[in-house]
Amino acid sequence: FAVLYTFGNIISLVATGFLVGFLTQLKKMFDPTRLVATIIFLAAMVVTFLVAILLGNAILVLVCVLVQYCALFWYSASYIPFARDAMKKVFGGLMR
């Protein structure tokens, strides 16, 4: 499951590259406003893939998939104006 989920995310990134152009995609991904989100998302994909293939620990794989999902959500929100600020307010209010 985790390997297929990770490949699905990679395919989504490649598909976006075909739509907007790969150079434009890379420039937008590594823009200073979303640099941290991009690095965390890419790292989460690599770690999920490695844990699923090399370790095979189901609980650790699920944790990695959850981290990858959250990283994808935060990365995607970076493309919507003020979405991350709204999410911070919502989740900040829930934590009180």
PDB file of N, CA and C in Angstrom:
ATOM      1  N   PHE A   1       0.819  -1.200   0.000  1.00  0.00           N
ATOM      2  CA  PHE A   1       0.000   0.000   0.000  1.00  0.00           C
ATOM      3  C   PHE A   1       0.859   1.260   0.000  1.00  0.00           C
ATOM      4  N   ALA A   2       1.829   1.320   0.885  1.00  0.00           N
ATOM      5  CA  ALA A   2       2.650   2.527   1.033  1.00  0.00           C
ATOM      6  C   ALA A   2       3.466   2.807  -0.217  1.00  0.00           C
ATOM      7  N   VAL A   3       3.966   1.748  -0.838  1.00  0.00           N
ATOM      8  CA  VAL A   3       4.757   1.926  -2.059  1.00  0.00           C
ATOM      9  C   VAL A   3       3.867   2.477  -3.170  1.00  0.00           C
ATOM     10  N   LEU A   4       2.672   1.927  -3.314  1.00  0.00           N
ATOM     11  CA  LEU A   4       1.753   2.410  -4.338  1.00  0.00           C
ATOM     12  C   LEU A   4       1.292   3.838  -4.053  1.00  0.00           C
ATOM     13  N   TYR A   5       1.063   4.150  -2.797  1.00  0.00           N
ATOM     14  CA  TYR A   5       0.675   5.504  -2.409  1.00  0.00           C
ATOM     15  C   TYR A   5       1.787   6.494  -2.765  1.00  0.00           C
ATOM     16  N   THR A   6       3.021   6.117  -2.469  1.00  0.00           N
ATOM     17  CA  THR A   6       4.160   6.972  -2.785  1.00  0.00           C
ATOM     18  C   THR A   6       4.316   7.142  -4.289  1.00  0.00           C
ATOM     19  N   PHE A   7       4.179   6.059  -5.037  1.00  0.00           N
ATOM     20  CA  PHE A   7       4.247   6.163  -6.498  1.00  0.00           C
ATOM     21  C   PHE A   7       3.127   7.048  -7.034  1.00  0.00           C
ATOM     22  N   GLY A   8       1.956   6.978  -6.420  1.00  0.00           N
ATOM     23  CA  GLY A   8       0.848   7.841  -6.817  1.00  0.00           C
ATOM     24  C   GLY A   8       1.180   9.310  -6.640  1.00  0.00           C
ATOM     25  N   ASN A   9       1.831   9.649  -5.535  1.00  0.00           N
ATOM     26  CA  ASN A   9       2.243  11.030  -5.308  1.00  0.00           C
ATOM     27  C   ASN A   9       3.306  11.466  -6.311  1.00  0.00           C
ATOM     28  N   ILE A  10       4.222  10.565  -6.629  1.00  0.00           N
ATOM     29  CA  ILE A  10       5.250  10.881  -7.627  1.00  0.00           C
ATOM     30  C   ILE A  10       4.600  11.106  -8.988  1.00  0.00           C
ATOM     31  N   ILE A  11       3.653  10.250  -9.342  1.00  0.00           N
ATOM     32  CA  ILE A  11       2.943  10.407 -10.617  1.00  0.00           C
ATOM     33  C   ILE A  11       2.180  11.729 -10.647  1.00  0.00           C
ATOM     34  N   SER A  12       1.609  12.133  -9.533  1.00  0.00           N
ATOM     35  CA  SER A  12       0.908  13.418  -9.468  1.00  0.00           C
ATOM     36  C   SER A  12       1.860  14.578  -9.725  1.00  0.00           C
ATOM     37  N   LEU A  13       3.050  14.511  -9.137  1.00  0.00           N
ATOM     38  CA  LEU A  13       4.037  15.565  -9.376  1.00  0.00           C
ATOM     39  C   LEU A  13       4.481  15.596 -10.834  1.00  0.00           C
ATOM     40  N   VAL A  14       4.684  14.418 -11.409  1.00  0.00           N
ATOM     41  CA  VAL A  14       5.082  14.343 -12.819  1.00  0.00           C
ATOM     42  C   VAL A  14       3.956  14.871 -13.717  1.00  0.00           C
ATOM     43  N   ALA A  15       2.727  14.522 -13.398  1.00  0.00           N
ATOM     44  CA  ALA A  15       1.587  14.992 -14.186  1.00  0.00           C
ATOM     45  C   ALA A  15       1.492  16.514 -14.139  1.00  0.00           C
ATOM     46  N   THR A  16       1.697  17.090 -12.977  1.00  0.00           N
ATOM     47  CA  THR A  16       1.703  18.547 -12.863  1.00  0.00           C
ATOM     48  C   THR A  16       2.830  19.141 -13.684  1.00  0.00           C
ATOM     49  N   GLY A  17       3.965  18.454 -13.704  1.00  0.00           N
ATOM     50  CA  GLY A  17       5.086  18.903 -14.530  1.00  0.00           C
ATOM     51  C   GLY A  17       4.728  18.930 -16.004  1.00  0.00           C
ATOM     52  N   PHE A  18       3.982  17.934 -16.451  1.00  0.00           N
ATOM     53  CA  PHE A  18       3.547  17.926 -17.853  1.00  0.00           C
ATOM     54  C   PHE A  18       2.585  19.076 -18.134  1.00  0.00           C
ATOM     55  N   LEU A  19       1.744  19.406 -17.168  1.00  0.00           N
ATOM     56  CA  LEU A  19       0.756  20.467 -17.389  1.00  0.00           C
ATOM     57  C   LEU A  19       1.376  21.858 -17.426  1.00  0.00           C
ATOM     58  N   VAL A  20       2.259  22.148 -16.478  1.00  0.00           N
ATOM     59  CA  VAL A  20       2.816  23.502 -16.379  1.00  0.00           C
ATOM     60  C   VAL A  20       4.241  23.595 -16.901  1.00  0.00           C
ATOM     61  N   GLY A  21       4.859  22.472 -17.177  1.00  0.00           N
ATOM     62  CA  GLY A  21       6.255  22.451 -17.598  1.00  0.00           C
ATOM     63  C   GLY A  21       7.135  22.088 -16.407  1.00  0.00           C
ATOM     64  N   PHE A  22       8.099  21.249 -16.654  1.00  0.00           N
ATOM     65  CA  PHE A  22       8.913  20.733 -15.548  1.00  0.00           C
ATOM     66  C   PHE A  22       9.768  21.815 -14.900  1.00  0.00           C
ATOM     67  N   LEU A  23      10.310  22.723 -15.691  1.00  0.00           N
ATOM     68  CA  LEU A  23      11.131  23.788 -15.123  1.00  0.00           C
ATOM     69  C   LEU A  23      10.285  24.717 -14.263  1.00  0.00           C
ATOM     70  N   THR A  24       9.092  25.044 -14.743  1.00  0.00           N
ATOM     71  CA  THR A  24       8.179  25.881 -13.964  1.00  0.00           C
ATOM     72  C   THR A  24       7.774  25.178 -12.679  1.00  0.00           C
ATOM     73  N   GLN A  25       7.511  23.890 -12.781  1.00  0.00           N
ATOM     74  CA  GLN A  25       7.141  23.105 -11.598  1.00  0.00           C
ATOM     75  C   GLN A  25       8.265  23.146 -10.559  1.00  0.00           C
ATOM     76  N   LEU A  26       9.492  22.912 -10.996  1.00  0.00           N
ATOM     77  CA  LEU A  26      10.626  22.924 -10.069  1.00  0.00           C
ATOM     78  C   LEU A  26      10.835  24.300  -9.458  1.00  0.00           C
ATOM     79  N   LYS A  27      10.688  25.347 -10.266  1.00  0.00           N
ATOM     80  CA  LYS A  27      10.832  26.700  -9.731  1.00  0.00           C
ATOM     81  C   LYS A  27       9.778  26.982  -8.663  1.00  0.00           C
ATOM     82  N   LYS A  28       8.544  26.565  -8.939  1.00  0.00           N
ATOM     83  CA  LYS A  28       7.469  26.796  -7.967  1.00  0.00           C
ATOM     84  C   LYS A  28       7.654  25.944  -6.716  1.00  0.00           C
ATOM     85  N   MET A  29       8.129  24.712  -6.899  1.00  0.00           N
ATOM     86  CA  MET A  29       8.322  23.832  -5.742  1.00  0.00           C
ATOM     87  C   MET A  29       9.388  24.378  -4.793  1.00  0.00           C
ATOM     88  N   PHE A  30      10.442  24.943  -5.351  1.00  0.00           N
ATOM     89  CA  PHE A  30      11.547  25.410  -4.528  1.00  0.00           C
ATOM     90  C   PHE A  30      11.537  26.919  -4.324  1.00  0.00           C
ATOM     91  N   ASP A  31      10.372  27.518  -4.539  1.00  0.00           N
ATOM     92  CA  ASP A  31      10.166  28.917  -4.207  1.00  0.00           C
ATOM     93  C   ASP A  31      10.310  29.067  -2.686  1.00  0.00           C
ATOM     94  N   PRO A  32      10.899  30.170  -2.207  1.00  0.00           N
ATOM     95  CA  PRO A  32      11.112  30.312  -0.758  1.00  0.00           C
ATOM     96  C   PRO A  32       9.864  30.148   0.100  1.00  0.00           C
ATOM     97  N   THR A  33       8.685  30.477  -0.452  1.00  0.00           N
ATOM     98  CA  THR A  33       7.463  30.364   0.349  1.00  0.00           C
ATOM     99  C   THR A  33       7.044  28.916   0.591  1.00  0.00           C
ATOM    100  N   ARG A  34       7.489  27.998  -0.269  1.00  0.00           N
ATOM    101  CA  ARG A  34       7.100  26.597  -0.079  1.00  0.00           C
ATOM    102  C   ARG A  34       8.290  25.654  -0.024  1.00  0.00           C
ATOM    103  N   LEU A  35       9.486  26.192   0.183  1.00  0.00           N
ATOM    104  CA  LEU A  35      10.695  25.378   0.208  1.00  0.00           C
ATOM    105  C   LEU A  35      10.642  24.319   1.311  1.00  0.00           C
ATOM    106  N   VAL A  36      10.285  24.725   2.507  1.00  0.00           N
ATOM    107  CA  VAL A  36      10.242  23.776   3.631  1.00  0.00           C
ATOM    108  C   VAL A  36       9.182  22.700   3.381  1.00  0.00           C
ATOM    109  N   ALA A  37       8.025  23.114   2.890  1.00  0.00           N
ATOM    110  CA  ALA A  37       6.955  22.142   2.605  1.00  0.00           C
ATOM    111  C   ALA A  37       7.399  21.144   1.542  1.00  0.00           C
ATOM    112  N   THR A  38       8.107  21.622   0.527  1.00  0.00           N
ATOM    113  CA  THR A  38       8.593  20.745  -0.537  1.00  0.00           C
ATOM    114  C   THR A  38       9.604  19.747  -0.005  1.00  0.00           C
ATOM    115  N   ILE A  39      10.551  20.226   0.777  1.00  0.00           N
ATOM    116  CA  ILE A  39      11.591  19.337   1.308  1.00  0.00           C
ATOM    117  C   ILE A  39      10.987  18.279   2.217  1.00  0.00           C
ATOM    118  N   ILE A  40      10.063  18.679   3.070  1.00  0.00           N
ATOM    119  CA  ILE A  40       9.423  17.714   3.974  1.00  0.00           C
ATOM    120  C   ILE A  40       8.613  16.692   3.176  1.00  0.00           C
ATOM    121  N   PHE A  41       7.888  17.160   2.159  1.00  0.00           N
ATOM    122  CA  PHE A  41       7.085  16.251   1.338  1.00  0.00           C
ATOM    123  C   PHE A  41       7.969  15.253   0.593  1.00  0.00           C
ATOM    124  N   LEU A  42       9.024  15.739  -0.044  1.00  0.00           N
ATOM    125  CA  LEU A  42       9.927  14.839  -0.777  1.00  0.00           C
ATOM    126  C   LEU A  42      10.635  13.867   0.173  1.00  0.00           C
ATOM    127  N   ALA A  43      11.068  14.370   1.320  1.00  0.00           N
ATOM    128  CA  ALA A  43      11.724  13.499   2.310  1.00  0.00           C
ATOM    129  C   ALA A  43      10.751  12.449   2.837  1.00  0.00           C
ATOM    130  N   ALA A  44       9.498  12.851   3.061  1.00  0.00           N
ATOM    131  CA  ALA A  44       8.492  11.904   3.550  1.00  0.00           C
ATOM    132  C   ALA A  44       8.250  10.799   2.532  1.00  0.00           C
ATOM    133  N   MET A  45       8.265  11.140   1.252  1.00  0.00           N
ATOM    134  CA  MET A  45       8.091  10.112   0.230  1.00  0.00           C
ATOM    135  C   MET A  45       9.262   9.135   0.228  1.00  0.00           C
ATOM    136  N   VAL A  46      10.469   9.665   0.321  1.00  0.00           N
ATOM    137  CA  VAL A  46      11.658   8.798   0.331  1.00  0.00           C
ATOM    138  C   VAL A  46      11.650   7.890   1.560  1.00  0.00           C
ATOM    139  N   VAL A  47      11.382   8.466   2.721  1.00  0.00           N
ATOM    140  CA  VAL A  47      11.382   7.676   3.967  1.00  0.00           C
ATOM    141  C   VAL A  47      10.277   6.624   3.931  1.00  0.00           C
ATOM    142  N   THR A  48       9.092   6.992   3.465  1.00  0.00           N
ATOM    143  CA  THR A  48       7.998   6.018   3.372  1.00  0.00           C
ATOM    144  C   THR A  48       8.390   4.856   2.478  1.00  0.00           C
ATOM    145  N   PHE A  49       8.954   5.168   1.332  1.00  0.00           N
ATOM    146  CA  PHE A  49       9.364   4.132   0.392  1.00  0.00           C
ATOM    147  C   PHE A  49      10.425   3.217   1.007  1.00  0.00           C
ATOM    148  N   LEU A  50      11.428   3.811   1.646  1.00  0.00           N
ATOM    149  CA  LEU A  50      12.508   3.010   2.240  1.00  0.00           C
ATOM    150  C   LEU A  50      12.013   2.144   3.395  1.00  0.00           C
ATOM    151  N   VAL A  51      11.167   2.714   4.242  1.00  0.00           N
ATOM    152  CA  VAL A  51      10.642   1.943   5.378  1.00  0.00           C
ATOM    153  C   VAL A  51       9.784   0.786   4.880  1.00  0.00           C
ATOM    154  N   ALA A  52       8.970   1.052   3.862  1.00  0.00           N
ATOM    155  CA  ALA A  52       8.095  -0.003   3.335  1.00  0.00           C
ATOM    156  C   ALA A  52       8.904  -1.120   2.692  1.00  0.00           C
ATOM    157  N   ILE A  53       9.948  -0.783   1.956  1.00  0.00           N
ATOM    158  CA  ILE A  53      10.729  -1.783   1.233  1.00  0.00           C
ATOM    159  C   ILE A  53      11.738  -2.488   2.146  1.00  0.00           C
ATOM    160  N   LEU A  54      12.472  -1.705   2.927  1.00  0.00           N
ATOM    161  CA  LEU A  54      13.570  -2.288   3.702  1.00  0.00           C
ATOM    162  C   LEU A  54      13.147  -2.855   5.061  1.00  0.00           C
ATOM    163  N   LEU A  55      12.307  -2.148   5.768  1.00  0.00           N
ATOM    164  CA  LEU A  55      11.946  -2.585   7.123  1.00  0.00           C
ATOM    165  C   LEU A  55      10.670  -3.419   7.153  1.00  0.00           C
ATOM    166  N   GLY A  56       9.661  -2.974   6.444  1.00  0.00           N
ATOM    167  CA  GLY A  56       8.412  -3.723   6.400  1.00  0.00           C
ATOM    168  C   GLY A  56       7.610  -3.694   7.692  1.00  0.00           C
ATOM    169  N   ASN A  57       7.952  -2.799   8.614  1.00  0.00           N
ATOM    170  CA  ASN A  57       7.220  -2.665   9.868  1.00  0.00           C
ATOM    171  C   ASN A  57       5.912  -1.923   9.591  1.00  0.00           C
ATOM    172  N   ALA A  58       4.785  -2.609   9.741  1.00  0.00           N
ATOM    173  CA  ALA A  58       3.486  -2.065   9.343  1.00  0.00           C
ATOM    174  C   ALA A  58       3.134  -0.784  10.096  1.00  0.00           C
ATOM    175  N   ILE A  59       3.386  -0.736  11.383  1.00  0.00           N
ATOM    176  CA  ILE A  59       3.038   0.451  12.171  1.00  0.00           C
ATOM    177  C   ILE A  59       3.893   1.636  11.746  1.00  0.00           C
ATOM    178  N   LEU A  60       5.178   1.409  11.552  1.00  0.00           N
ATOM    179  CA  LEU A  60       6.072   2.475  11.114  1.00  0.00           C
ATOM    180  C   LEU A  60       5.713   2.951   9.703  1.00  0.00           C
ATOM    181  N   VAL A  61       5.309   2.019   8.860  1.00  0.00           N
ATOM    182  CA  VAL A  61       4.884   2.380   7.500  1.00  0.00           C
ATOM    183  C   VAL A  61       3.636   3.264   7.567  1.00  0.00           C
ATOM    184  N   LEU A  62       2.681   2.921   8.419  1.00  0.00           N
ATOM    185  CA  LEU A  62       1.469   3.736   8.551  1.00  0.00           C
ATOM    186  C   LEU A  62       1.781   5.129   9.076  1.00  0.00           C
ATOM    187  N   VAL A  63       2.710   5.216  10.020  1.00  0.00           N
ATOM    188  CA  VAL A  63       3.127   6.522  10.522  1.00  0.00           C
ATOM    189  C   VAL A  63       3.759   7.340   9.400  1.00  0.00           C
ATOM    190  N   CYS A  64       4.599   6.702   8.592  1.00  0.00           N
ATOM    191  CA  CYS A  64       5.235   7.389   7.463  1.00  0.00           C
ATOM    192  C   CYS A  64       4.215   7.847   6.431  1.00  0.00           C
ATOM    193  N   VAL A  65       3.209   7.017   6.164  1.00  0.00           N
ATOM    194  CA  VAL A  65       2.158   7.404   5.220  1.00  0.00           C
ATOM    195  C   VAL A  65       1.367   8.587   5.775  1.00  0.00           C
ATOM    196  N   LEU A  66       1.094   8.590   7.058  1.00  0.00           N
ATOM    197  CA  LEU A  66       0.386   9.707   7.676  1.00  0.00           C
ATOM    198  C   LEU A  66       1.206  10.989   7.575  1.00  0.00           C
ATOM    199  N   VAL A  67       2.498  10.905   7.845  1.00  0.00           N
ATOM    200  CA  VAL A  67       3.379  12.072   7.715  1.00  0.00           C
ATOM    201  C   VAL A  67       3.397  12.545   6.259  1.00  0.00           C
ATOM    202  N   GLN A  68       3.479  11.605   5.331  1.00  0.00           N
ATOM    203  CA  GLN A  68       3.482  11.945   3.906  1.00  0.00           C
ATOM    204  C   GLN A  68       2.175  12.636   3.514  1.00  0.00           C
ATOM    205  N   TYR A  69       1.065  12.131   4.016  1.00  0.00           N
ATOM    206  CA  TYR A  69      -0.237  12.733   3.714  1.00  0.00           C
ATOM    207  C   TYR A  69      -0.316  14.159   4.255  1.00  0.00           C
ATOM    208  N   CYS A  70       0.108  14.349   5.490  1.00  0.00           N
ATOM    209  CA  CYS A  70       0.095  15.692   6.087  1.00  0.00           C
ATOM    210  C   CYS A  70       1.032  16.631   5.329  1.00  0.00           C
ATOM    211  N   ALA A  71       2.194  16.132   4.928  1.00  0.00           N
ATOM    212  CA  ALA A  71       3.139  16.943   4.166  1.00  0.00           C
ATOM    213  C   ALA A  71       2.551  17.319   2.806  1.00  0.00           C
ATOM    214  N   LEU A  72       1.859  16.385   2.162  1.00  0.00           N
ATOM    215  CA  LEU A  72       1.213  16.675   0.881  1.00  0.00           C
ATOM    216  C   LEU A  72       0.119  17.712   1.063  1.00  0.00           C
ATOM    217  N   PHE A  73      -0.643  17.607   2.125  1.00  0.00           N
ATOM    218  CA  PHE A  73      -1.716  18.558   2.406  1.00  0.00           C
ATOM    219  C   PHE A  73      -1.149  19.959   2.601  1.00  0.00           C
ATOM    220  N   TRP A  74      -0.069  20.078   3.386  1.00  0.00           N
ATOM    221  CA  TRP A  74       0.557  21.370   3.657  1.00  0.00           C
ATOM    222  C   TRP A  74       1.205  21.930   2.387  1.00  0.00           C
ATOM    223  N   TYR A  75       1.845  21.057   1.609  1.00  0.00           N
ATOM    224  CA  TYR A  75       2.460  21.462   0.348  1.00  0.00           C
ATOM    225  C   TYR A  75       1.390  21.962  -0.625  1.00  0.00           C
ATOM    226  N   SER A  76       0.292  21.243  -0.734  1.00  0.00           N
ATOM    227  CA  SER A  76      -0.796  21.649  -1.631  1.00  0.00           C
ATOM    228  C   SER A  76      -1.410  22.971  -1.187  1.00  0.00           C
ATOM    229  N   ALA A  77      -1.536  23.159   0.105  1.00  0.00           N
ATOM    230  CA  ALA A  77      -2.106  24.401   0.631  1.00  0.00           C
ATOM    231  C   ALA A  77      -1.213  25.601   0.322  1.00  0.00           C
ATOM    232  N   SER A  78       0.072  25.360   0.085  1.00  0.00           N
ATOM    233  CA  SER A  78       0.975  26.470  -0.214  1.00  0.00           C
ATOM    234  C   SER A  78       0.668  27.106  -1.564  1.00  0.00           C
ATOM    235  N   TYR A  79      -0.091  26.431  -2.406  1.00  0.00           N
ATOM    236  CA  TYR A  79      -0.463  26.979  -3.704  1.00  0.00           C
ATOM    237  C   TYR A  79      -1.753  27.793  -3.647  1.00  0.00           C
ATOM    238  N   ILE A  80      -2.473  27.738  -2.547  1.00  0.00           N
ATOM    239  CA  ILE A  80      -3.732  28.462  -2.391  1.00  0.00           C
ATOM    240  C   ILE A  80      -3.477  29.673  -1.501  1.00  0.00           C
ATOM    241  N   PRO A  81      -3.757  30.872  -1.994  1.00  0.00           N
ATOM    242  CA  PRO A  81      -3.494  32.071  -1.191  1.00  0.00           C
ATOM    243  C   PRO A  81      -4.193  32.024   0.167  1.00  0.00           C
ATOM    244  N   PHE A  82      -3.441  32.283   1.195  1.00  0.00           N
ATOM    245  CA  PHE A  82      -3.904  32.366   2.583  1.00  0.00           C
ATOM    246  C   PHE A  82      -4.416  31.042   3.158  1.00  0.00           C
ATOM    247  N   ALA A  83      -4.261  29.938   2.435  1.00  0.00           N
ATOM    248  CA  ALA A  83      -4.759  28.649   2.932  1.00  0.00           C
ATOM    249  C   ALA A  83      -3.979  28.196   4.152  1.00  0.00           C
ATOM    250  N   ARG A  84      -2.663  28.346   4.124  1.00  0.00           N
ATOM    251  CA  ARG A  84      -1.867  27.900   5.276  1.00  0.00           C
ATOM    252  C   ARG A  84      -2.146  28.755   6.499  1.00  0.00           C
ATOM    253  N   ASP A  85      -2.362  30.059   6.298  1.00  0.00           N
ATOM    254  CA  ASP A  85      -2.713  30.919   7.434  1.00  0.00           C
ATOM    255  C   ASP A  85      -4.045  30.500   8.038  1.00  0.00           C
ATOM    256  N   ALA A  86      -5.013  30.180   7.174  1.00  0.00           N
ATOM    257  CA  ALA A  86      -6.322  29.729   7.666  1.00  0.00           C
ATOM    258  C   ALA A  86      -6.193  28.402   8.411  1.00  0.00           C
ATOM    259  N   MET A  87      -5.373  27.496   7.870  1.00  0.00           N
ATOM    260  CA  MET A  87      -5.180  26.202   8.533  1.00  0.00           C
ATOM    261  C   MET A  87      -4.518  26.381   9.898  1.00  0.00           C
ATOM    262  N   LYS A  88      -3.570  27.293   9.988  1.00  0.00           N
ATOM    263  CA  LYS A  88      -2.901  27.552  11.277  1.00  0.00           C
ATOM    264  C   LYS A  88      -3.914  28.050  12.294  1.00  0.00           C
ATOM    265  N   LYS A  89      -4.813  28.932  11.856  1.00  0.00           N
ATOM    266  CA  LYS A  89      -5.827  29.465  12.775  1.00  0.00           C
ATOM    267  C   LYS A  89      -6.787  28.365  13.228  1.00  0.00           C
ATOM    268  N   VAL A  90      -7.217  27.532  12.293  1.00  0.00           N
ATOM    269  CA  VAL A  90      -8.162  26.463  12.626  1.00  0.00           C
ATOM    270  C   VAL A  90      -7.522  25.466  13.588  1.00  0.00           C
ATOM    271  N   PHE A  91      -6.340  24.971  13.222  1.00  0.00           N
ATOM    272  CA  PHE A  91      -5.693  23.970  14.075  1.00  0.00           C
ATOM    273  C   PHE A  91      -5.179  24.564  15.373  1.00  0.00           C
ATOM    274  N   GLY A  92      -4.807  25.854  15.338  1.00  0.00           N
ATOM    275  CA  GLY A  92      -4.409  26.536  16.567  1.00  0.00           C
ATOM    276  C   GLY A  92      -5.584  26.668  17.517  1.00  0.00           C
ATOM    277  N   GLY A  93      -6.761  26.947  16.979  1.00  0.00           N
ATOM    278  CA  GLY A  93      -7.968  27.042  17.793  1.00  0.00           C
ATOM    279  C   GLY A  93      -8.381  25.698  18.357  1.00  0.00           C
ATOM    280  N   LEU A  94      -8.136  24.628  17.618  1.00  0.00           N
ATOM    281  CA  LEU A  94      -8.483  23.293  18.101  1.00  0.00           C
ATOM    282  C   LEU A  94      -7.553  22.833  19.228  1.00  0.00           C
ATOM    283  N   MET A  95      -6.347  23.350  19.248  1.00  0.00           N
ATOM    284  CA  MET A  95      -5.365  22.910  20.237  1.00  0.00           C
ATOM    285  C   MET A  95      -5.539  23.599  21.586  1.00  0.00           C
ATOM    286  N   ARG A  96      -6.384  24.628  21.635  1.00  0.00           N
ATOM    287  CA  ARG A  96      -6.574  25.341  22.904  1.00  0.00           C
ATOM    288  C   ARG A  96      -7.452  24.602  23.845  1.00  0.00           C
TER     289      ARG A  96
END
